[in-house]
Amino acid sequence: MSRYRRVLLKLSGESLQGKQGYGIDPDKLSAYAQEIKEVVDATGTEIAIVIGGGNIFRGLTGIGKGVDRVKGDQMGMLATTINSLGLSAALETVGLESVVFTAIQMAPVGRFYNKWDAIAALREGKIVICSCGTGNPYFTTDTGASLRAVELECDAMLKGTRVDGIYTADPEKDPSATKYDTITYDEIYEQNLRVMDLTATAMCRENGMPIVVFNMDKPGNLMRLLSGETTGTLVTE
């Protein structure tokens, strides 16, 4: 049995780089697909996924090089679509059906997103991959992920990162940083912890959407989390 019936899994674009340091590492993509398949086969959890595009292009980076913010964010949306198509192909290779939805019209690359079609696909046992963030500039893919988690009536938003939860400080820079097993939305604000952008955190808070921050790069962690083990950090009221 799964800890959650339906979840939104947020992955960073950078996580797909693997050891390459850029683009998409086929081995990393394959590993993620296999881990998702094992979870679905064992627990039956309905999974929607949002992936960032930072491994290909990040809008804010473009601004510093003379790119208009709106155009830069639109380029980032296209980057998330490339990553989504790559993950979809990897999932199908391991035997899972998936559907790529796009927040902007992009047929035949993906299906234009709407809540009802996406929920129908989830109920059919398909992996739903939502690309292009919210479809609007000035919003991050974290905000896109929180929006989709709420819209799709998920039980939790799982934010897969390269660290095993939320710490008092950046553990990669401060060896004395300590990890939280649980934390509230208000504590995140008060301590200015960079879990995800404030708009995304506020949306989860206002809609009672729990967030679990965990290390997606540790094999078996997604299974442990959904099986009910204490993994990562839980963010609630």
C-alpha atoms as a PDB file:
ATOM      1  CA  MET A   1       0.000   0.000   0.000  1.00  0.00           C
ATOM      2  CA  SER A   2       1.146   3.506  -0.790  1.00  0.00           C
ATOM      3  CA  ARG A   3       1.450   6.289   1.745  1.00  0.00           C
ATOM      4  CA  TYR A   4      -0.242   8.545  -0.824  1.00  0.00           C
ATOM      5  CA  ARG A   5      -2.885   7.731  -3.440  1.00  0.00           C
ATOM      6  CA  ARG A   6      -1.746  10.395  -5.917  1.00  0.00           C
ATOM      7  CA  VAL A   7       1.386  12.560  -5.883  1.00  0.00           C
ATOM      8  CA  LEU A   8       3.078  15.291  -7.871  1.00  0.00           C
ATOM      9  CA  LEU A   9       6.791  14.571  -8.272  1.00  0.00           C
ATOM     10  CA  LYS A  10       8.901  17.664  -8.980  1.00  0.00           C
ATOM     11  CA  LEU A  11      12.303  17.030 -10.537  1.00  0.00           C
ATOM     12  CA  SER A  12      14.937  19.620 -11.359  1.00  0.00           C
ATOM     13  CA  GLY A  13      16.294  19.855 -14.863  1.00  0.00           C
ATOM     14  CA  GLU A  14      19.810  19.806 -13.442  1.00  0.00           C
ATOM     15  CA  SER A  15      19.149  16.354 -11.988  1.00  0.00           C
ATOM     16  CA  LEU A  16      18.957  14.958 -15.526  1.00  0.00           C
ATOM     17  CA  GLN A  17      22.520  16.091 -16.266  1.00  0.00           C
ATOM     18  CA  GLY A  18      24.004  13.219 -14.322  1.00  0.00           C
ATOM     19  CA  LYS A  19      27.781  13.228 -14.509  1.00  0.00           C
ATOM     20  CA  GLN A  20      27.790  15.068 -17.843  1.00  0.00           C
ATOM     21  CA  GLY A  21      27.211  18.482 -16.289  1.00  0.00           C
ATOM     22  CA  TYR A  22      24.890  19.538 -19.120  1.00  0.00           C
ATOM     23  CA  GLY A  23      21.969  18.271 -21.212  1.00  0.00           C
ATOM     24  CA  ILE A  24      20.353  14.900 -20.556  1.00  0.00           C
ATOM     25  CA  ASP A  25      22.306  11.896 -19.281  1.00  0.00           C
ATOM     26  CA  PRO A  26      20.612   8.746 -20.714  1.00  0.00           C
ATOM     27  CA  ASP A  27      21.744   6.687 -17.707  1.00  0.00           C
ATOM     28  CA  LYS A  28      20.165   9.128 -15.238  1.00  0.00           C
ATOM     29  CA  LEU A  29      16.964   9.225 -17.276  1.00  0.00           C
ATOM     30  CA  SER A  30      16.843   5.428 -17.352  1.00  0.00           C
ATOM     31  CA  ALA A  31      17.460   5.197 -13.604  1.00  0.00           C
ATOM     32  CA  TYR A  32      14.595   7.582 -12.837  1.00  0.00           C
ATOM     33  CA  ALA A  33      12.254   5.674 -15.171  1.00  0.00           C
ATOM     34  CA  GLN A  34      13.120   2.356 -13.553  1.00  0.00           C
ATOM     35  CA  GLU A  35      12.603   3.738 -10.053  1.00  0.00           C
ATOM     36  CA  ILE A  36       9.208   5.167 -11.002  1.00  0.00           C
ATOM     37  CA  LYS A  37       8.177   1.839 -12.560  1.00  0.00           C
ATOM     38  CA  GLU A  38       9.132  -0.084  -9.410  1.00  0.00           C
ATOM     39  CA  VAL A  39       7.048   2.285  -7.289  1.00  0.00           C
ATOM     40  CA  VAL A  40       4.008   2.104  -9.570  1.00  0.00           C
ATOM     41  CA  ASP A  41       4.185  -1.697  -9.807  1.00  0.00           C
ATOM     42  CA  ALA A  42       4.570  -2.118  -6.038  1.00  0.00           C
ATOM     43  CA  THR A  43       2.195   0.558  -4.710  1.00  0.00           C
ATOM     44  CA  GLY A  44      -0.150   1.571  -7.505  1.00  0.00           C
ATOM     45  CA  THR A  45       0.474   5.237  -6.729  1.00  0.00           C
ATOM     46  CA  GLU A  46      -0.817   7.655  -9.357  1.00  0.00           C
ATOM     47  CA  ILE A  47       2.090   9.901 -10.354  1.00  0.00           C
ATOM     48  CA  ALA A  48       2.176  13.274 -12.087  1.00  0.00           C
ATOM     49  CA  ILE A  49       5.580  14.800 -12.818  1.00  0.00           C
ATOM     50  CA  VAL A  50       6.899  18.306 -13.426  1.00  0.00           C
ATOM     51  CA  ILE A  51      10.519  18.739 -14.582  1.00  0.00           C
ATOM     52  CA  GLY A  52      12.510  21.939 -14.708  1.00  0.00           C
ATOM     53  CA  GLY A  53      14.608  22.953 -17.702  1.00  0.00           C
ATOM     54  CA  GLY A  54      17.790  24.294 -16.108  1.00  0.00           C
ATOM     55  CA  ASN A  55      19.978  21.628 -17.708  1.00  0.00           C
ATOM     56  CA  ILE A  56      19.172  23.153 -21.098  1.00  0.00           C
ATOM     57  CA  PHE A  57      18.224  26.792 -20.536  1.00  0.00           C
ATOM     58  CA  ARG A  58      17.267  28.936 -17.562  1.00  0.00           C
ATOM     59  CA  GLY A  59      15.356  32.129 -18.288  1.00  0.00           C
ATOM     60  CA  LEU A  60      16.950  34.183 -15.519  1.00  0.00           C
ATOM     61  CA  THR A  61      20.404  33.308 -16.828  1.00  0.00           C
ATOM     62  CA  GLY A  62      19.436  34.610 -20.246  1.00  0.00           C
ATOM     63  CA  ILE A  63      18.466  37.996 -18.828  1.00  0.00           C
ATOM     64  CA  GLY A  64      22.055  38.635 -17.820  1.00  0.00           C
ATOM     65  CA  LYS A  65      23.064  38.052 -21.430  1.00  0.00           C
ATOM     66  CA  GLY A  66      20.596  40.455 -22.984  1.00  0.00           C
ATOM     67  CA  VAL A  67      17.603  38.141 -23.432  1.00  0.00           C
ATOM     68  CA  ASP A  68      14.199  39.667 -22.710  1.00  0.00           C
ATOM     69  CA  ARG A  69      12.641  38.097 -19.580  1.00  0.00           C
ATOM     70  CA  VAL A  70       9.485  36.950 -21.356  1.00  0.00           C
ATOM     71  CA  LYS A  71      11.406  35.381 -24.229  1.00  0.00           C
ATOM     72  CA  GLY A  72      13.866  33.846 -21.775  1.00  0.00           C
ATOM     73  CA  ASP A  73      11.087  32.222 -19.781  1.00  0.00           C
ATOM     74  CA  GLN A  74       9.472  30.967 -22.982  1.00  0.00           C
ATOM     75  CA  MET A  75      12.789  29.384 -23.945  1.00  0.00           C
ATOM     76  CA  GLY A  76      12.817  27.754 -20.516  1.00  0.00           C
ATOM     77  CA  MET A  77       9.335  26.363 -21.170  1.00  0.00           C
ATOM     78  CA  LEU A  78      10.612  24.719 -24.335  1.00  0.00           C
ATOM     79  CA  ALA A  79      13.508  23.253 -22.339  1.00  0.00           C
ATOM     80  CA  THR A  80      11.064  21.662 -19.888  1.00  0.00           C
ATOM     81  CA  THR A  81       9.221  20.130 -22.836  1.00  0.00           C
ATOM     82  CA  ILE A  82      12.418  18.547 -24.163  1.00  0.00           C
ATOM     83  CA  ASN A  83      13.072  17.028 -20.723  1.00  0.00           C
ATOM     84  CA  SER A  84       9.464  15.846 -20.466  1.00  0.00           C
ATOM     85  CA  LEU A  85       9.628  14.111 -23.831  1.00  0.00           C
ATOM     86  CA  GLY A  86      12.888  12.450 -22.818  1.00  0.00           C
ATOM     87  CA  LEU A  87      11.403  11.126 -19.590  1.00  0.00           C
ATOM     88  CA  SER A  88       8.269   9.981 -21.412  1.00  0.00           C
ATOM     89  CA  ALA A  89      10.391   7.961 -23.834  1.00  0.00           C
ATOM     90  CA  ALA A  90      12.372   6.431 -20.953  1.00  0.00           C
ATOM     91  CA  LEU A  91       9.166   5.479 -19.113  1.00  0.00           C
ATOM     92  CA  GLU A  92       7.742   3.807 -22.189  1.00  0.00           C
ATOM     93  CA  THR A  93      10.989   1.857 -22.595  1.00  0.00           C
ATOM     94  CA  VAL A  94      10.428   0.245 -19.188  1.00  0.00           C
ATOM     95  CA  GLY A  95       6.776  -0.479 -19.945  1.00  0.00           C
ATOM     96  CA  LEU A  96       4.908   2.487 -18.438  1.00  0.00           C
ATOM     97  CA  GLU A  97       2.389   4.509 -20.436  1.00  0.00           C
ATOM     98  CA  SER A  98       2.794   8.256 -20.138  1.00  0.00           C
ATOM     99  CA  VAL A  99       1.201  11.423 -21.465  1.00  0.00           C
ATOM    100  CA  VAL A 100       3.025  14.725 -21.940  1.00  0.00           C
ATOM    101  CA  PHE A 101       0.826  17.759 -21.337  1.00  0.00           C
ATOM    102  CA  THR A 102       1.943  21.254 -22.296  1.00  0.00           C
ATOM    103  CA  ALA A 103       0.710  24.469 -20.677  1.00  0.00           C
ATOM    104  CA  ILE A 104       0.918  26.236 -24.032  1.00  0.00           C
ATOM    105  CA  GLN A 105      -0.445  24.985 -27.351  1.00  0.00           C
ATOM    106  CA  MET A 106       2.225  22.705 -28.804  1.00  0.00           C
ATOM    107  CA  ALA A 107       0.409  19.960 -30.716  1.00  0.00           C
ATOM    108  CA  PRO A 108       1.473  17.430 -31.838  1.00  0.00           C
ATOM    109  CA  VAL A 109       4.423  17.556 -29.417  1.00  0.00           C
ATOM    110  CA  GLY A 110       2.132  17.254 -26.407  1.00  0.00           C
ATOM    111  CA  ARG A 111      -1.506  17.518 -25.387  1.00  0.00           C
ATOM    112  CA  PHE A 112      -2.714  20.938 -24.284  1.00  0.00           C
ATOM    113  CA  TYR A 113      -3.123  20.687 -20.510  1.00  0.00           C
ATOM    114  CA  ASN A 114      -6.435  20.637 -18.733  1.00  0.00           C
ATOM    115  CA  LYS A 115      -7.219  19.198 -15.337  1.00  0.00           C
ATOM    116  CA  TRP A 116      -9.888  16.735 -16.424  1.00  0.00           C
ATOM    117  CA  ASP A 117      -7.852  15.056 -19.180  1.00  0.00           C
ATOM    118  CA  ALA A 118      -4.859  14.801 -16.865  1.00  0.00           C
ATOM    119  CA  ILE A 119      -6.894  13.233 -14.040  1.00  0.00           C
ATOM    120  CA  ALA A 120      -8.482  10.784 -16.493  1.00  0.00           C
ATOM    121  CA  ALA A 121      -5.001   9.711 -17.618  1.00  0.00           C
ATOM    122  CA  LEU A 122      -3.887   9.260 -13.986  1.00  0.00           C
ATOM    123  CA  ARG A 123      -6.914   7.107 -13.238  1.00  0.00           C
ATOM    124  CA  GLU A 124      -6.037   4.961 -16.243  1.00  0.00           C
ATOM    125  CA  GLY A 125      -2.668   4.254 -14.650  1.00  0.00           C
ATOM    126  CA  LYS A 126      -0.649   6.492 -16.957  1.00  0.00           C
ATOM    127  CA  ILE A 127       2.181   8.736 -15.794  1.00  0.00           C
ATOM    128  CA  VAL A 128       1.207  12.352 -16.421  1.00  0.00           C
ATOM    129  CA  ILE A 129       4.087  14.699 -17.273  1.00  0.00           C
ATOM    130  CA  CYS A 130       3.235  18.406 -17.164  1.00  0.00           C
ATOM    131  CA  SER A 131       5.611  20.703 -19.022  1.00  0.00           C
ATOM    132  CA  CYS A 132       5.963  24.467 -19.596  1.00  0.00           C
ATOM    133  CA  GLY A 133       5.435  25.364 -15.938  1.00  0.00           C
ATOM    134  CA  THR A 134       2.307  27.505 -15.578  1.00  0.00           C
ATOM    135  CA  GLY A 135       2.538  28.572 -19.220  1.00  0.00           C
ATOM    136  CA  ASN A 136       3.302  32.138 -18.135  1.00  0.00           C
ATOM    137  CA  PRO A 137       6.555  34.084 -17.767  1.00  0.00           C
ATOM    138  CA  TYR A 138       7.766  35.235 -14.345  1.00  0.00           C
ATOM    139  CA  PHE A 139       6.721  31.956 -12.697  1.00  0.00           C
ATOM    140  CA  THR A 140       9.120  29.132 -11.876  1.00  0.00           C
ATOM    141  CA  THR A 141       8.582  25.431 -12.468  1.00  0.00           C
ATOM    142  CA  ASP A 142       8.299  25.067  -8.673  1.00  0.00           C
ATOM    143  CA  THR A 143       5.205  27.256  -8.871  1.00  0.00           C
ATOM    144  CA  GLY A 144       4.023  25.232 -11.858  1.00  0.00           C
ATOM    145  CA  ALA A 145       4.480  22.062  -9.814  1.00  0.00           C
ATOM    146  CA  SER A 146       2.557  23.408  -6.815  1.00  0.00           C
ATOM    147  CA  LEU A 147      -0.248  24.562  -9.120  1.00  0.00           C
ATOM    148  CA  ARG A 148      -0.520  21.145 -10.783  1.00  0.00           C
ATOM    149  CA  ALA A 149      -0.379  19.367  -7.414  1.00  0.00           C
ATOM    150  CA  VAL A 150      -3.369  21.383  -6.213  1.00  0.00           C
ATOM    151  CA  GLU A 151      -5.284  21.161  -9.497  1.00  0.00           C
ATOM    152  CA  LEU A 152      -4.813  17.414  -9.831  1.00  0.00           C
ATOM    153  CA  GLU A 153      -5.981  16.853  -6.248  1.00  0.00           C
ATOM    154  CA  CYS A 154      -2.734  15.197  -5.207  1.00  0.00           C
ATOM    155  CA  ASP A 155      -2.149  14.043  -1.648  1.00  0.00           C
ATOM    156  CA  ALA A 156       1.358  15.524  -1.553  1.00  0.00           C
ATOM    157  CA  MET A 157       3.984  17.296  -3.623  1.00  0.00           C
ATOM    158  CA  LEU A 158       7.297  15.438  -3.598  1.00  0.00           C
ATOM    159  CA  LYS A 159      10.289  17.624  -4.397  1.00  0.00           C
ATOM    160  CA  GLY A 160      13.192  15.444  -5.482  1.00  0.00           C
ATOM    161  CA  THR A 161      16.562  17.110  -4.915  1.00  0.00           C
ATOM    162  CA  ARG A 162      20.195  16.098  -4.476  1.00  0.00           C
ATOM    163  CA  VAL A 163      20.041  16.545  -0.684  1.00  0.00           C
ATOM    164  CA  ASP A 164      18.050  14.429   1.747  1.00  0.00           C
ATOM    165  CA  GLY A 165      15.743  17.130   3.090  1.00  0.00           C
ATOM    166  CA  ILE A 166      15.580  20.666   4.454  1.00  0.00           C
ATOM    167  CA  TYR A 167      18.459  21.906   6.618  1.00  0.00           C
ATOM    168  CA  THR A 168      19.033  24.917   8.843  1.00  0.00           C
ATOM    169  CA  ALA A 169      21.535  26.062   6.200  1.00  0.00           C
ATOM    170  CA  ASP A 170      22.944  24.768   2.922  1.00  0.00           C
ATOM    171  CA  PRO A 171      24.596  21.468   3.963  1.00  0.00           C
ATOM    172  CA  GLU A 172      26.923  21.650   0.958  1.00  0.00           C
ATOM    173  CA  LYS A 173      28.335  24.930   2.299  1.00  0.00           C
ATOM    174  CA  ASP A 174      27.843  24.614   6.060  1.00  0.00           C
ATOM    175  CA  PRO A 175      28.933  21.279   7.616  1.00  0.00           C
ATOM    176  CA  SER A 176      27.231  22.232  10.886  1.00  0.00           C
ATOM    177  CA  ALA A 177      23.785  22.476   9.266  1.00  0.00           C
ATOM    178  CA  THR A 178      21.190  20.177  10.816  1.00  0.00           C
ATOM    179  CA  LYS A 179      18.265  18.485   9.097  1.00  0.00           C
ATOM    180  CA  TYR A 180      14.578  18.924   9.864  1.00  0.00           C
ATOM    181  CA  ASP A 181      12.352  15.840   9.869  1.00  0.00           C
ATOM    182  CA  THR A 182       9.298  18.107   9.851  1.00  0.00           C
ATOM    183  CA  ILE A 183       8.869  21.856   9.469  1.00  0.00           C
ATOM    184  CA  THR A 184       5.970  24.262   8.984  1.00  0.00           C
ATOM    185  CA  TYR A 185       5.395  26.642   6.086  1.00  0.00           C
ATOM    186  CA  ASP A 186       5.669  29.565   8.519  1.00  0.00           C
ATOM    187  CA  GLU A 187       9.058  28.376   9.772  1.00  0.00           C
ATOM    188  CA  ILE A 188      10.299  28.269   6.182  1.00  0.00           C
ATOM    189  CA  TYR A 189       9.273  31.923   5.755  1.00  0.00           C
ATOM    190  CA  GLU A 190      10.638  33.032   9.113  1.00  0.00           C
ATOM    191  CA  GLN A 191      14.020  31.367   8.578  1.00  0.00           C
ATOM    192  CA  ASN A 192      14.189  32.343   4.904  1.00  0.00           C
ATOM    193  CA  LEU A 193      14.937  28.758   3.878  1.00  0.00           C
ATOM    194  CA  ARG A 194      15.316  28.294   0.139  1.00  0.00           C
ATOM    195  CA  VAL A 195      13.171  25.186  -0.229  1.00  0.00           C
ATOM    196  CA  MET A 196      11.491  26.567  -3.324  1.00  0.00           C
ATOM    197  CA  ASP A 197      10.303  30.014  -4.340  1.00  0.00           C
ATOM    198  CA  LEU A 198       7.879  31.805  -2.024  1.00  0.00           C
ATOM    199  CA  THR A 199       5.010  31.787  -4.534  1.00  0.00           C
ATOM    200  CA  ALA A 200       5.123  27.998  -4.744  1.00  0.00           C
ATOM    201  CA  THR A 201       5.357  27.601  -0.971  1.00  0.00           C
ATOM    202  CA  ALA A 202       2.465  30.021  -0.442  1.00  0.00           C
ATOM    203  CA  MET A 203       0.271  28.122  -2.890  1.00  0.00           C
ATOM    204  CA  CYS A 204       0.892  24.849  -1.057  1.00  0.00           C
ATOM    205  CA  ARG A 205       0.250  26.498   2.299  1.00  0.00           C
ATOM    206  CA  GLU A 206      -2.996  28.141   1.208  1.00  0.00           C
ATOM    207  CA  ASN A 207      -4.304  24.863  -0.200  1.00  0.00           C
ATOM    208  CA  GLY A 208      -3.084  22.527   2.545  1.00  0.00           C
ATOM    209  CA  MET A 209      -0.732  20.693   0.188  1.00  0.00           C
ATOM    210  CA  PRO A 210       1.993  18.807   2.114  1.00  0.00           C
ATOM    211  CA  ILE A 211       5.490  19.009   0.647  1.00  0.00           C
ATOM    212  CA  VAL A 212       8.121  16.313   1.063  1.00  0.00           C
ATOM    213  CA  VAL A 213      11.687  17.289   0.171  1.00  0.00           C
ATOM    214  CA  PHE A 214      13.903  14.244  -0.363  1.00  0.00           C
ATOM    215  CA  ASN A 215      16.969  12.966  -2.195  1.00  0.00           C
ATOM    216  CA  MET A 216      15.773  11.534  -5.507  1.00  0.00           C
ATOM    217  CA  ASP A 217      19.321  10.579  -6.490  1.00  0.00           C
ATOM    218  CA  LYS A 218      19.576   7.924  -3.763  1.00  0.00           C
ATOM    219  CA  PRO A 219      18.263   4.662  -5.263  1.00  0.00           C
ATOM    220  CA  GLY A 220      15.171   3.362  -3.505  1.00  0.00           C
ATOM    221  CA  ASN A 221      14.305   6.648  -1.785  1.00  0.00           C
ATOM    222  CA  LEU A 222      11.090   7.188  -3.724  1.00  0.00           C
ATOM    223  CA  MET A 223       9.948   3.678  -2.791  1.00  0.00           C
ATOM    224  CA  ARG A 224      10.861   4.242   0.862  1.00  0.00           C
ATOM    225  CA  LEU A 225       8.940   7.498   0.942  1.00  0.00           C
ATOM    226  CA  LEU A 226       5.789   6.082  -0.611  1.00  0.00           C
ATOM    227  CA  SER A 227       6.000   2.951   1.532  1.00  0.00           C
ATOM    228  CA  GLY A 228       5.711   5.095   4.642  1.00  0.00           C
ATOM    229  CA  GLU A 229       9.325   5.259   5.815  1.00  0.00           C
ATOM    230  CA  THR A 230      10.624   8.530   7.230  1.00  0.00           C
ATOM    231  CA  THR A 231      12.572   9.961   4.324  1.00  0.00           C
ATOM    232  CA  GLY A 232      13.434  13.600   3.704  1.00  0.00           C
ATOM    233  CA  THR A 233      11.594  16.475   5.345  1.00  0.00           C
ATOM    234  CA  LEU A 234       7.814  16.897   5.571  1.00  0.00           C
ATOM    235  CA  VAL A 235       6.419  20.428   5.301  1.00  0.00           C
ATOM    236  CA  THR A 236       2.931  20.963   6.749  1.00  0.00           C
ATOM    237  CA  GLU A 237       0.926  23.476   8.793  1.00  0.00           C
END
